Amino acid sequence: MLELIDLGFRYSGRDWVFRHTNLTIASGSITSILGPNGKGKTTLLRCIAGLNTAQEGRVVRDSNIGYVPQATSSSFAYSVFDMVLMGRAKKVSTFGVPSKADVAQTRTVLERVGIDQLATSNFTELSGGQRQLVLIARALNTDCTFMILDEPVSALDLRNQAHVLQLLRELASEGMGILLTTHHPDHPLHLGGDAVVMFSPEEIVVGPVATLVTGETLSRLYGIDVATDTVHDRGNPRTVVYTRYDNFAAAGNDLRLTESSLT
């Protein structure tokens, strides 16, 4: 279990990013965090991962956490294989080297994430989306029981988005706890589980995705006219999210803001 108890954070001399945040996430569950840019989604994840220290409250962790930041760069020309192998660092003694088992597991993880063909590639020469997949593989290679991901599909094409979302569902079904941030409201609807909606520093609402991720909630959250509808995907009902661009334009706003806020 991962639990946030009355958690609050602010940067020195600035207003609170969030306060009085309470959240419990069990193993085998998926929780998605939604909120406009600048509402503190990444900061909340960093506090949970232990990278930032909250000024109020506490985080209770009884799990090995794997943290996946947004796609990043590297100062060294490591191969993809070596980047993912770094996930085994805690399993290696101070002056030791990775074991044959570590190497074998790294190959297995590369295959599962679908990037085994990139194993010998230079990490610094990859696209942003490919780097994101490498970071996911590295976190998975830590043997974590809880994975925290900051916008894990933001740089991925549609095929790889679908692949990563399916992978997250599989990991949750195997007992791993999943917590992610996203700017795509349709992704929580696809993943299921719970949602965390960050309206303001002191208004953070938690609830089931099915009842919380609605047109009314999303319209208020993003300040634009958002609606949901049910479509039939090969006979199965599925909820989709869309923006009423005509109403947004009529209000005298720039459509480019809508596009950037939802992608």
Foldseek 3Di string as FASTA:
>chain_A
DKWWAQFWADDPPDDTLAGGDTDDFFWLFEEEEEFFPSSCPVVVLCCSVVNDPTPDTHMDDPWAEQEQEQQDADPDFDALLVLLLVLCVVVADPPGDDDPVSSVVSCVLCVLLPNNVRRGPGLRPDDSLVSLSSSVSSSVSNVTLEYEYEASCPRPDPVSVVSVLVVVNVSSNVGGTYYYYHLALQSCQVNWGKYWYRQHNYDIDIDTSVPQSAQVNVCSRLVFRKHWDWDADPNRTGIHIDGPVVVVVVVVDDVVSVVVSRD
